[in-house]
Amino acid sequence: MVLGCFGQEVEKIAVLEDVKFERYPGGGMGHFPLGIYFDEMDKLLVVQDPLPGTIVTINLENKAISKEEKPSFSEHAPLLLILGNDYWGVYSDSIEYSINNTPSKYISDTNPGISFILKKDSGYIVYFLGGAIDSNGRIYSEEEAMTYLKQYDPEKYEQSKKNHYKKHDTLQQYDIQGYRYFSEDYGSLGNVLGCYFNDDNIFYLKNLNSYSEIRKSGQDYSFSWYVGYGGNIYYYIAGEEYTEVFRIRRTWGDPDFYAMAINGYTDDEYGKYVNEVLPKMSKADLRLLRNTIFALYGVHFKSADLSKYFDKQVWYTDDGKTSADVTLPAHRQKLVEMIQKLEK
């Protein structure tokens, strides 16, 4: 059920007056913020200041800011990857990686880009163009990576034989389903941000600068962007006086159950997308989407088909909870109620 491209909405979700663009002492390129991670469950924006080694966490609900001295984002994932990009000093044909906060290492002679992530043993295996790497630091050749994929997920294996190992010329990020996102000019959000699915153009969003008062003013700035598991896109533009945070909620391609569960239902442009998508879903898909909302909170599933499905999702952890143990926020509870009406 590929829906193509629903209207893309760029939302300014926060203006942070305590987070500002700064330069290295003595001039040179700007250094803060550097890098971005977004906790979609709790609406936490995490950015890194590289000079003192500080991780800054901003709660976008109450705008509270906390700072902690840590060398990297490693606490959020056992595997930290930096894609090849001359701007950050990483060779454009390599991947820099760190396992559990260990010193960084490089994988050279690759065309970097994360295409999807799978569970492996008690950790993960992250696929990139030309191979894979797991949470223990083992590097897999393309042949080894594809052998594991064939065993783990035969359907994704067949898709990947056609679409996975292709060379691309722009800095890119991938969501967990294999949608490829890019910004032209190696990360310049000033011109184009786009998404491809199976190398077909899903959307091509131009002039992102027009949404930013900082960019309109012509002042110095820094920026970074982050693609969530389900494809929601988050980015900030940090100016000399404040930082703007933007979001583009995923409304392209096949409906992504994780993204829809995270986003819930909101009475705005995204709500129009949900209203269009839900009636087109089968009863089986509606059931899976409804249970995805509870899976976000670690609910245990007794049904064998649900248990098998969610056990494979890298974002899912079985915490032994029941649905009665979970109090959903309003936007997710509203989506559950809409789904239940359609299931009757």
Protein backbone atom coordinates (compact mmCIF):
# COMPACT_ATOMS: atom_id res chain seq x y z
CA MET A 1 0.00 0.00 0.00
CA VAL A 2 2.43 2.70 -1.14
CA LEU A 3 0.75 6.06 -0.64
CA GLY A 4 3.43 8.11 -2.32
CA CYS A 5 4.05 11.56 -0.97
CA PHE A 6 1.50 13.17 1.33
CA GLY A 7 2.09 16.90 1.79
CA GLN A 8 5.30 17.45 3.76
CA GLU A 9 5.02 19.77 6.72
CA VAL A 10 8.11 21.36 8.26
CA GLU A 11 7.25 22.15 11.87
CA LYS A 12 9.21 24.40 14.17
CA ILE A 13 8.81 22.50 17.44
CA ALA A 14 11.08 24.51 19.72
CA VAL A 15 13.11 27.70 20.10
CA LEU A 16 15.90 27.20 22.65
CA GLU A 17 17.30 30.46 23.99
CA ASP A 18 19.98 28.76 26.13
CA VAL A 19 21.52 26.79 23.24
CA LYS A 20 23.51 29.00 20.88
CA PHE A 21 26.05 28.84 18.09
CA GLU A 22 29.64 29.39 19.18
CA ARG A 23 33.02 29.33 17.48
CA TYR A 24 36.24 27.63 18.44
CA PRO A 25 38.48 29.88 20.53
CA GLY A 26 40.44 32.10 18.19
CA GLY A 27 37.90 31.78 15.35
CA GLY A 28 37.39 29.01 12.85
CA MET A 29 34.36 26.87 12.29
CA GLY A 30 31.48 26.83 14.73
CA HIS A 31 31.43 24.07 17.29
CA PHE A 32 28.18 24.05 19.22
CA PRO A 33 25.90 22.21 18.97
CA LEU A 34 27.59 19.26 17.24
CA GLY A 35 25.57 16.18 16.40
CA ILE A 36 22.00 15.40 17.33
CA TYR A 37 20.02 12.52 18.81
CA PHE A 38 16.27 12.63 19.39
CA ASP A 39 14.48 10.46 21.96
CA GLU A 40 11.07 10.20 20.31
CA MET A 41 9.39 8.45 23.25
CA ASP A 42 10.12 11.19 25.77
CA LYS A 43 10.66 14.13 23.38
CA LEU A 44 14.25 14.70 24.44
CA LEU A 45 16.71 16.41 22.11
CA VAL A 46 20.32 15.44 22.82
CA VAL A 47 23.19 17.43 21.33
CA GLN A 48 26.94 17.33 21.87
CA ASP A 49 29.39 20.11 22.64
CA PRO A 50 32.77 18.65 21.63
CA LEU A 51 35.12 21.06 23.37
CA PRO A 52 34.46 20.23 27.05
CA GLY A 53 32.97 16.83 26.10
CA THR A 54 29.50 17.79 27.28
CA ILE A 55 26.21 16.12 26.36
CA VAL A 56 23.29 18.54 26.52
CA THR A 57 19.74 17.17 26.89
CA ILE A 58 16.76 19.41 26.20
CA ASN A 59 13.22 18.39 27.18
CA LEU A 60 11.05 19.82 24.42
CA GLU A 61 7.93 19.54 26.57
CA ASN A 62 9.04 21.84 29.39
CA LYS A 63 12.24 23.26 27.76
CA ALA A 64 14.35 22.06 30.72
CA ILE A 65 18.05 21.74 29.88
CA SER A 66 20.54 19.46 31.61
CA LYS A 67 24.28 19.07 30.95
CA GLU A 68 26.56 16.16 31.67
CA GLU A 69 30.23 15.64 30.87
CA LYS A 70 30.42 12.60 28.57
CA PRO A 71 32.59 11.96 25.53
CA SER A 72 29.87 10.84 23.10
CA PHE A 73 26.33 9.61 22.50
CA SER A 74 27.37 6.05 23.35
CA GLU A 75 24.86 5.80 26.18
CA HIS A 76 22.04 5.78 23.63
CA ALA A 77 23.27 2.85 21.57
CA PRO A 78 25.95 0.19 21.91
CA LEU A 79 27.26 1.19 18.50
CA LEU A 80 28.06 4.77 17.51
CA LEU A 81 28.68 5.37 13.79
CA ILE A 82 29.88 8.51 12.03
CA LEU A 83 29.41 8.40 8.27
CA GLY A 84 32.21 9.54 5.97
CA ASN A 85 32.04 13.31 5.67
CA ASP A 86 34.95 15.67 5.03
CA TYR A 87 33.30 18.36 7.18
CA TRP A 88 33.81 16.32 10.34
CA GLY A 89 37.29 15.22 9.34
CA VAL A 90 36.20 11.65 8.54
CA TYR A 91 37.33 10.40 5.16
CA SER A 92 34.43 10.41 2.71
CA ASP A 93 34.89 6.71 1.87
CA SER A 94 35.02 5.46 5.47
CA ILE A 95 32.97 4.88 8.59
CA GLU A 96 34.20 5.84 12.05
CA TYR A 97 32.74 3.72 14.84
CA SER A 98 32.92 3.32 18.61
CA ILE A 99 31.75 0.28 20.59
CA ASN A 100 30.57 0.98 24.15
CA ASN A 101 32.58 4.18 24.43
CA THR A 102 35.88 2.67 23.24
CA PRO A 103 38.33 4.72 21.14
CA SER A 104 37.09 5.27 17.61
CA LYS A 105 38.18 3.02 14.73
CA TYR A 106 37.77 3.36 10.98
CA ILE A 107 36.38 1.10 8.28
CA SER A 108 37.89 2.34 5.01
CA ASP A 109 37.10 1.77 1.37
CA THR A 110 33.35 1.82 1.87
CA ASN A 111 30.59 4.04 0.59
CA PRO A 112 29.08 4.75 4.00
CA GLY A 113 25.40 4.76 4.77
CA ILE A 114 23.35 2.79 7.29
CA SER A 115 20.67 0.90 5.41
CA PHE A 116 19.06 -1.04 8.25
CA ILE A 117 19.67 -2.52 11.69
CA LEU A 118 18.86 -6.04 12.91
CA LYS A 119 19.07 -7.79 16.26
CA LYS A 120 21.95 -10.21 16.70
CA ASP A 121 22.46 -12.28 19.84
CA SER A 122 22.12 -9.81 22.71
CA GLY A 123 23.07 -6.80 20.55
CA TYR A 124 22.72 -5.50 17.03
CA ILE A 125 24.18 -5.75 13.56
CA VAL A 126 24.25 -2.55 11.51
CA TYR A 127 24.35 -2.85 7.72
CA PHE A 128 26.15 -0.34 5.54
CA LEU A 129 27.09 -0.28 1.90
CA GLY A 130 29.66 -3.06 1.53
CA GLY A 131 29.22 -4.99 4.77
CA ALA A 132 28.11 -4.73 8.37
CA ILE A 133 29.38 -4.34 11.92
CA ASP A 134 27.88 -5.75 15.13
CA SER A 135 27.79 -4.55 18.72
CA ASN A 136 30.86 -6.61 19.59
CA GLY A 137 32.94 -4.78 16.98
CA ARG A 138 33.07 -7.62 14.45
CA ILE A 139 33.19 -6.38 10.87
CA TYR A 140 31.38 -8.47 8.25
CA SER A 141 32.18 -8.66 4.57
CA GLU A 142 29.32 -8.12 2.16
CA GLU A 143 28.99 -11.89 1.68
CA GLU A 144 28.92 -12.57 5.44
CA ALA A 145 26.44 -9.79 6.05
CA MET A 146 24.08 -11.05 3.37
CA THR A 147 24.34 -14.64 4.66
CA TYR A 148 23.15 -13.54 8.11
CA LEU A 149 20.40 -11.41 6.55
CA LYS A 150 19.14 -14.39 4.54
CA GLN A 151 18.87 -16.45 7.71
CA TYR A 152 17.31 -13.69 9.79
CA ASP A 153 14.86 -12.13 7.35
CA PRO A 154 14.48 -13.87 3.94
CA GLU A 155 12.06 -11.21 2.66
CA LYS A 156 14.43 -8.33 3.40
CA TYR A 157 17.24 -10.41 1.90
CA GLU A 158 15.42 -10.63 -1.44
CA GLN A 159 14.77 -6.88 -1.39
CA SER A 160 18.38 -6.11 -0.51
CA LYS A 161 19.80 -8.19 -3.35
CA LYS A 162 18.14 -5.70 -5.70
CA ASN A 163 18.55 -2.42 -3.87
CA HIS A 164 21.10 -2.49 -1.06
CA TYR A 165 24.65 -2.31 -2.38
CA LYS A 166 24.61 0.69 -4.66
CA LYS A 167 26.95 3.65 -4.72
CA HIS A 168 25.58 7.07 -3.81
CA ASP A 169 27.33 10.41 -3.90
CA THR A 170 25.66 12.34 -1.09
CA LEU A 171 25.90 12.19 2.69
CA GLN A 172 22.99 10.06 3.80
CA GLN A 173 21.16 8.53 6.71
CA TYR A 174 18.76 5.60 6.71
CA ASP A 175 15.79 4.73 8.83
CA ILE A 176 15.41 1.23 10.11
CA GLN A 177 13.26 0.14 7.17
CA GLY A 178 15.88 1.04 4.59
CA TYR A 179 14.52 4.40 3.44
CA ARG A 180 17.51 6.51 2.39
CA TYR A 181 17.60 10.20 3.34
CA PHE A 182 20.02 12.73 1.97
CA SER A 183 20.92 16.38 2.10
CA GLU A 184 22.83 17.73 -0.83
CA ASP A 185 26.23 19.36 -0.59
CA TYR A 186 27.25 16.90 2.16
CA GLY A 187 24.75 18.00 4.75
CA SER A 188 23.75 21.49 3.72
CA LEU A 189 20.14 21.79 4.82
CA GLY A 190 20.10 25.16 3.08
CA ASN A 191 19.19 23.63 -0.26
CA VAL A 192 17.65 20.17 -0.44
CA LEU A 193 16.57 17.39 1.90
CA GLY A 194 15.11 14.27 0.33
CA CYS A 195 14.19 10.65 0.80
CA TYR A 196 14.45 7.68 -1.54
CA PHE A 197 12.77 4.31 -1.23
CA ASN A 198 14.28 1.56 -3.38
CA ASP A 199 16.01 4.38 -5.25
CA ASP A 200 12.71 5.92 -6.32
CA ASN A 201 12.30 9.54 -5.30
CA ILE A 202 9.74 9.77 -2.50
CA PHE A 203 10.08 13.45 -1.73
CA TYR A 204 12.40 16.27 -2.59
CA LEU A 205 12.01 19.16 -0.19
CA LYS A 206 13.71 22.41 -1.19
CA ASN A 207 14.48 25.71 0.52
CA LEU A 208 14.50 24.49 4.10
CA ASN A 209 16.16 27.80 4.96
CA SER A 210 12.86 29.55 4.36
CA TYR A 211 11.52 28.02 7.60
CA SER A 212 14.37 29.42 9.70
CA GLU A 213 14.48 32.95 11.05
CA ILE A 214 18.17 32.41 11.79
CA ARG A 215 18.98 31.62 8.18
CA LYS A 216 16.86 34.50 6.93
CA SER A 217 18.85 36.87 9.14
CA GLY A 218 22.14 35.87 7.51
CA GLN A 219 23.96 35.31 10.80
CA ASP A 220 26.47 32.53 11.43
CA TYR A 221 24.94 29.20 12.33
CA SER A 222 25.53 25.50 12.81
CA PHE A 223 23.12 22.62 12.22
CA SER A 224 22.66 18.88 12.28
CA TRP A 225 19.89 16.42 11.46
CA TYR A 226 18.68 13.07 12.72
CA VAL A 227 16.40 10.40 11.23
CA GLY A 228 14.33 8.44 13.74
CA TYR A 229 13.71 4.68 13.49
CA GLY A 230 10.44 5.16 11.62
CA GLY A 231 11.62 7.99 9.42
CA ASN A 232 10.61 11.15 11.29
CA ILE A 233 13.27 13.78 10.59
CA TYR A 234 14.56 16.21 13.21
CA TYR A 235 17.04 19.02 12.68
CA TYR A 236 18.19 22.16 14.39
CA ILE A 237 19.71 25.42 13.23
CA ALA A 238 21.75 27.07 15.98
CA GLY A 239 22.23 30.81 15.70
CA GLU A 240 24.14 33.35 17.73
CA GLU A 241 21.15 34.13 19.98
CA TYR A 242 19.07 30.94 20.03
CA THR A 243 18.51 27.56 18.36
CA GLU A 244 15.51 26.51 16.28
CA VAL A 245 14.41 22.84 16.27
CA PHE A 246 12.36 21.46 13.39
CA ARG A 247 10.52 18.21 12.67
CA ILE A 248 9.15 16.54 9.56
CA ARG A 249 6.85 13.66 10.52
CA ARG A 250 6.91 10.76 8.12
CA THR A 251 4.01 10.70 5.65
CA TRP A 252 5.68 9.01 2.67
CA GLY A 253 5.81 5.51 1.27
CA ASP A 254 4.13 2.59 3.00
CA PRO A 255 2.74 3.53 6.44
CA ASP A 256 5.40 2.85 9.07
CA PHE A 257 3.80 1.42 12.19
CA TYR A 258 6.61 2.56 14.48
CA ALA A 259 6.41 6.16 13.24
CA MET A 260 2.62 6.20 13.47
CA ALA A 261 2.74 4.78 17.01
CA ILE A 262 5.30 7.40 18.06
CA ASN A 263 3.39 10.26 16.45
CA GLY A 264 -0.08 9.15 17.57
CA TYR A 265 -2.94 11.34 16.43
CA THR A 266 -2.74 15.12 16.47
CA ASP A 267 -5.39 17.51 15.17
CA ASP A 268 -3.24 19.18 12.54
CA GLU A 269 -1.77 18.42 9.11
CA TYR A 270 -0.38 15.13 10.39
CA GLY A 271 -3.84 14.22 11.62
CA LYS A 272 -5.13 14.58 8.06
CA TYR A 273 -2.56 11.99 7.00
CA VAL A 274 -3.70 9.58 9.73
CA ASN A 275 -7.33 10.08 8.73
CA GLU A 276 -6.43 9.13 5.16
CA VAL A 277 -4.26 6.12 6.04
CA LEU A 278 -6.26 4.26 8.70
CA PRO A 279 -9.38 3.43 6.62
CA LYS A 280 -7.16 1.87 3.93
CA MET A 281 -5.51 -0.56 6.35
CA SER A 282 -6.54 -4.20 6.63
CA LYS A 283 -7.85 -5.55 9.92
CA ALA A 284 -4.55 -7.40 10.36
CA ASP A 285 -2.53 -4.19 9.89
CA LEU A 286 -4.82 -2.26 12.23
CA ARG A 287 -4.25 -4.92 14.90
CA LEU A 288 -0.50 -4.73 14.38
CA LEU A 289 -0.47 -0.93 14.55
CA ARG A 290 -2.55 -0.91 17.74
CA ASN A 291 -0.21 -3.37 19.40
CA THR A 292 2.86 -1.44 18.18
CA ILE A 293 1.71 1.45 20.38
CA PHE A 294 1.83 -0.80 23.45
CA ALA A 295 5.05 -2.48 22.29
CA LEU A 296 6.76 0.91 22.64
CA TYR A 297 6.27 0.53 26.41
CA GLY A 298 7.63 -3.02 26.71
CA VAL A 299 4.31 -4.89 26.85
CA HIS A 300 4.58 -8.71 26.71
CA PHE A 301 2.54 -10.40 23.99
CA LYS A 302 0.93 -13.80 24.52
CA SER A 303 -0.14 -14.20 20.89
CA ALA A 304 2.58 -16.14 19.05
CA ASP A 305 2.42 -14.05 15.87
CA LEU A 306 2.73 -10.76 17.76
CA SER A 307 5.54 -12.08 19.94
CA LYS A 308 7.49 -13.29 16.90
CA TYR A 309 7.00 -9.99 15.08
CA PHE A 310 7.98 -7.68 17.92
CA ASP A 311 10.92 -9.80 19.08
CA LYS A 312 12.59 -8.94 15.75
CA GLN A 313 12.12 -5.19 16.11
CA VAL A 314 15.34 -3.55 17.29
CA TRP A 315 13.44 -0.92 19.25
CA TYR A 316 11.40 -3.47 21.22
CA THR A 317 12.22 -4.86 24.67
CA ASP A 318 9.88 -7.26 26.43
CA ASP A 319 9.55 -5.81 29.95
CA GLY A 320 6.81 -8.24 30.92
CA LYS A 321 4.16 -5.52 31.17
CA THR A 322 0.49 -5.83 30.31
CA SER A 323 -1.50 -3.18 28.50
CA ALA A 324 -3.19 -2.40 31.83
CA ASP A 325 0.22 -1.36 33.20
CA VAL A 326 0.58 1.34 30.56
CA THR A 327 -0.92 4.83 30.69
CA LEU A 328 -0.72 6.24 27.19
CA PRO A 329 -0.25 9.94 26.51
CA ALA A 330 -3.27 11.60 24.91
CA HIS A 331 -2.01 11.56 21.31
CA ARG A 332 -1.31 7.80 21.39
CA GLN A 333 -4.50 6.96 23.30
CA LYS A 334 -6.48 8.83 20.63
CA LEU A 335 -4.89 6.71 17.90
CA VAL A 336 -5.73 3.49 19.80
CA GLU A 337 -9.38 4.56 20.04
CA MET A 338 -9.54 5.39 16.32
CA ILE A 339 -8.09 1.99 15.43
CA GLN A 340 -10.49 0.14 17.73
CA LYS A 341 -13.49 1.77 16.01
CA LEU A 342 -12.25 0.56 12.62
CA GLU A 343 -11.59 -2.93 13.94
CA LYS A 344 -15.24 -3.46 15.01
